[in-house]
Protein backbone atom coordinates (compact mmCIF):
# COMPACT_ATOMS: atom_id res chain seq x y z
CA MET A 1 -104.69 -93.04 -184.72
CA SER A 2 -107.49 -94.82 -186.56
CA THR A 3 -108.86 -93.57 -189.85
CA ASN A 4 -112.20 -92.67 -188.28
CA TRP A 5 -110.76 -90.57 -185.45
CA ILE A 6 -113.19 -87.80 -186.15
CA ALA A 7 -116.20 -90.08 -185.62
CA SER A 8 -114.85 -90.96 -182.18
CA LEU A 9 -114.77 -87.33 -181.04
CA VAL A 10 -118.48 -87.36 -180.16
CA HIS A 11 -117.90 -90.42 -178.02
CA PHE A 12 -115.02 -88.72 -176.25
CA ALA A 13 -117.19 -85.69 -175.63
CA SER A 14 -120.02 -87.95 -174.25
CA ILE A 15 -117.58 -89.75 -171.96
CA SER A 16 -116.19 -86.44 -170.70
CA GLY A 17 -119.72 -85.27 -169.88
CA VAL A 18 -120.50 -88.45 -168.03
CA LEU A 19 -117.32 -88.22 -166.02
CA ALA A 20 -118.00 -84.59 -165.21
CA GLY A 21 -121.39 -85.70 -163.84
CA PHE A 22 -119.66 -88.42 -161.80
CA CYS A 23 -117.36 -85.82 -160.28
CA ILE A 24 -120.29 -83.55 -159.38
CA THR A 25 -122.11 -86.49 -157.77
CA PHE A 26 -118.99 -87.43 -155.84
CA ILE A 27 -118.69 -83.86 -154.56
CA ALA A 28 -122.22 -84.15 -153.16
CA LEU A 29 -121.32 -87.45 -151.53
CA VAL A 30 -118.18 -86.06 -149.99
CA LEU A 31 -119.96 -83.00 -148.62
CA GLY A 32 -122.67 -85.13 -147.11
CA GLY A 33 -120.27 -87.63 -145.52
CA GLN A 34 -117.87 -87.82 -142.61
CA ILE A 35 -114.85 -87.16 -144.81
CA ALA A 36 -115.85 -83.47 -145.12
CA ASP A 37 -114.95 -82.95 -141.43
CA VAL A 38 -111.70 -85.00 -141.14
CA ASP A 39 -108.90 -82.59 -140.45
CA ILE A 40 -105.48 -83.12 -142.11
CA CYS A 41 -102.90 -83.07 -139.34
CA THR A 42 -104.62 -80.24 -137.40
CA THR A 43 -104.03 -77.79 -140.23
CA GLY A 44 -107.67 -76.65 -140.45
CA VAL A 45 -107.85 -78.14 -143.97
CA THR A 46 -110.01 -81.23 -144.27
CA PHE A 47 -109.75 -84.19 -146.62
CA GLY A 48 -113.21 -83.29 -147.84
CA GLN A 49 -112.16 -79.78 -148.84
CA ILE A 50 -109.17 -81.09 -150.84
CA SER A 51 -111.28 -83.79 -152.43
CA VAL A 52 -114.01 -81.35 -153.44
CA LEU A 53 -111.33 -78.97 -154.87
CA LEU A 54 -109.87 -81.76 -156.96
CA PHE A 55 -113.26 -83.17 -158.13
CA GLY A 56 -114.39 -79.60 -158.96
CA THR A 57 -111.26 -78.95 -160.97
CA SER A 58 -111.67 -82.31 -162.72
CA THR A 59 -115.25 -81.40 -163.62
CA SER A 60 -114.08 -78.18 -165.24
CA LEU A 61 -111.39 -79.98 -167.15
CA PHE A 62 -113.88 -82.68 -168.39
CA ILE A 63 -116.24 -79.98 -169.60
CA ALA A 64 -113.42 -78.19 -171.36
CA ALA A 65 -112.35 -81.48 -172.99
CA ALA A 66 -115.90 -82.15 -174.18
CA GLN A 67 -116.05 -78.64 -175.69
CA ARG A 68 -112.68 -79.15 -177.45
CA PHE A 69 -113.73 -82.58 -178.88
CA LEU A 70 -117.01 -81.13 -180.21
CA HIS A 71 -115.19 -78.10 -181.64
CA ALA A 72 -112.74 -80.46 -183.38
CA ARG A 73 -115.69 -82.34 -184.87
CA GLU A 74 -117.20 -79.07 -185.92
CA THR A 75 -114.17 -77.80 -187.76
CA HIS A 76 -113.59 -81.10 -189.62
CA THR A 77 -114.71 -80.70 -193.25
CA TRP A 78 -113.53 -83.86 -194.98
CA ASP A 79 -116.72 -85.85 -194.57
CA LEU A 80 -119.32 -83.08 -195.10
CA PRO A 81 -122.49 -84.09 -197.00
CA ASN A 82 -122.09 -83.26 -200.70
CA ASP A 83 -124.70 -80.52 -200.76
CA TYR A 84 -123.20 -78.72 -197.79
CA LYS A 85 -119.69 -79.28 -199.15
CA ARG A 86 -120.69 -77.50 -202.39
CA PHE A 87 -122.18 -74.64 -200.34
CA VAL A 88 -119.07 -74.22 -198.20
CA LYS A 89 -116.78 -74.61 -201.26
CA SER A 90 -118.59 -71.83 -203.15
CA LYS A 91 -118.59 -69.63 -200.05
CA GLU A 92 -114.84 -70.07 -199.57
CA GLU A 93 -114.09 -69.49 -203.24
CA LYS A 94 -116.05 -66.21 -203.08
CA LYS A 95 -113.68 -65.18 -200.26
CA GLY A 96 -110.78 -65.97 -202.57
CA LYS A 97 -109.66 -69.12 -200.82
CA LYS A 98 -108.64 -72.25 -202.66
CA TRP A 99 -110.69 -75.28 -201.60
CA ASN A 100 -107.68 -77.56 -200.91
CA ASP A 101 -106.08 -74.81 -198.73
CA PHE A 102 -109.34 -74.49 -196.86
CA LEU A 103 -109.47 -78.27 -196.29
CA TYR A 104 -105.88 -78.33 -195.13
CA GLU A 105 -106.40 -75.43 -192.69
CA SER A 106 -109.57 -76.96 -191.28
CA ASP A 107 -107.83 -80.31 -190.82
CA ILE A 108 -105.02 -78.61 -188.86
CA GLN A 109 -107.54 -76.78 -186.68
CA SER A 110 -109.54 -79.92 -186.07
CA ARG A 111 -106.48 -81.90 -185.03
CA LYS A 112 -105.32 -79.03 -182.79
CA TYR A 113 -108.65 -79.00 -180.97
CA GLU A 114 -108.67 -82.80 -180.70
CA LYS A 115 -105.16 -82.73 -179.18
CA GLU A 116 -106.22 -80.02 -176.69
CA GLY A 117 -109.26 -82.09 -175.76
CA ARG A 118 -107.07 -85.13 -175.09
CA ILE A 119 -104.77 -83.06 -172.87
CA PHE A 120 -107.70 -81.69 -170.83
CA TYR A 121 -109.21 -85.15 -170.65
CA ASN A 122 -106.00 -86.76 -169.39
CA LEU A 123 -105.40 -83.99 -166.89
CA ALA A 124 -108.99 -84.32 -165.65
CA MET A 125 -108.46 -88.05 -165.08
CA LEU A 126 -105.28 -87.44 -163.08
CA VAL A 127 -106.98 -84.79 -160.95
CA MET A 128 -110.02 -87.03 -160.41
CA ILE A 129 -107.78 -89.87 -159.24
CA GLY A 130 -106.21 -87.36 -156.80
CA GLY A 131 -109.70 -86.51 -155.58
CA LEU A 132 -110.35 -90.19 -154.98
CA PHE A 133 -107.13 -90.43 -153.02
CA PHE A 134 -108.22 -87.66 -150.61
CA ALA A 135 -111.72 -89.16 -150.31
CA ILE A 136 -110.36 -92.61 -149.40
CA THR A 137 -107.42 -91.58 -147.19
CA PRO A 138 -109.39 -90.99 -143.99
CA TYR A 139 -110.75 -94.49 -144.17
CA ASN A 140 -107.60 -96.39 -145.19
CA VAL A 141 -104.24 -94.85 -146.26
CA GLY A 142 -102.97 -98.11 -147.80
CA ILE A 143 -106.01 -98.46 -150.00
CA ALA A 144 -105.82 -94.79 -150.94
CA LEU A 145 -102.19 -95.18 -151.94
CA PHE A 146 -102.99 -98.29 -153.90
CA VAL A 147 -105.77 -96.60 -155.82
CA LEU A 148 -103.60 -93.51 -156.46
CA THR A 149 -100.67 -95.50 -157.67
CA ILE A 150 -102.62 -97.85 -159.94
CA GLY A 151 -104.76 -95.01 -161.24
CA TYR A 152 -101.82 -92.79 -162.11
CA LEU A 153 -99.81 -95.56 -163.64
CA LEU A 154 -102.68 -96.72 -165.87
CA GLU A 155 -103.60 -93.13 -166.87
CA ILE A 156 -100.01 -92.19 -167.68
CA TRP A 157 -99.50 -95.40 -169.63
CA GLN A 158 -102.69 -94.72 -171.61
CA ALA A 159 -101.82 -91.13 -172.23
CA LEU A 160 -98.35 -91.92 -173.50
CA ARG A 161 -99.25 -94.74 -175.88
């Protein structure tokens, strides 16, 4: 992890918001297209329904990730402006907390929220790729499998490293 990991949280939150918007747009495209009516093996369930379900779930996960990233940024106290740091320090000391303990606790909280945000983000990416699979399958199963395989492999590789 880089030394400025906190500064990158705003960027992660922004990207999560953009990807949530992408998923919502893709839902509109799926519902307006032919895929919405293509039945999966005469089960009554369509590729469009599954795709919309996955893109909708992905949207929720991206929004949750953005909230976690922003909350992690909010609880980080190490690079507060000096005036605000003095204010928070005096407030915490009035509560009977030692400043270093407060900094340590806030750092743990911040890292916890950042980790949760990454989990939500990575899950959202996997679910979104699944939504793409169901959107592409009615047109070409081979291409859908290729997109699914490459997408999952790259996302899992990225998440694990």
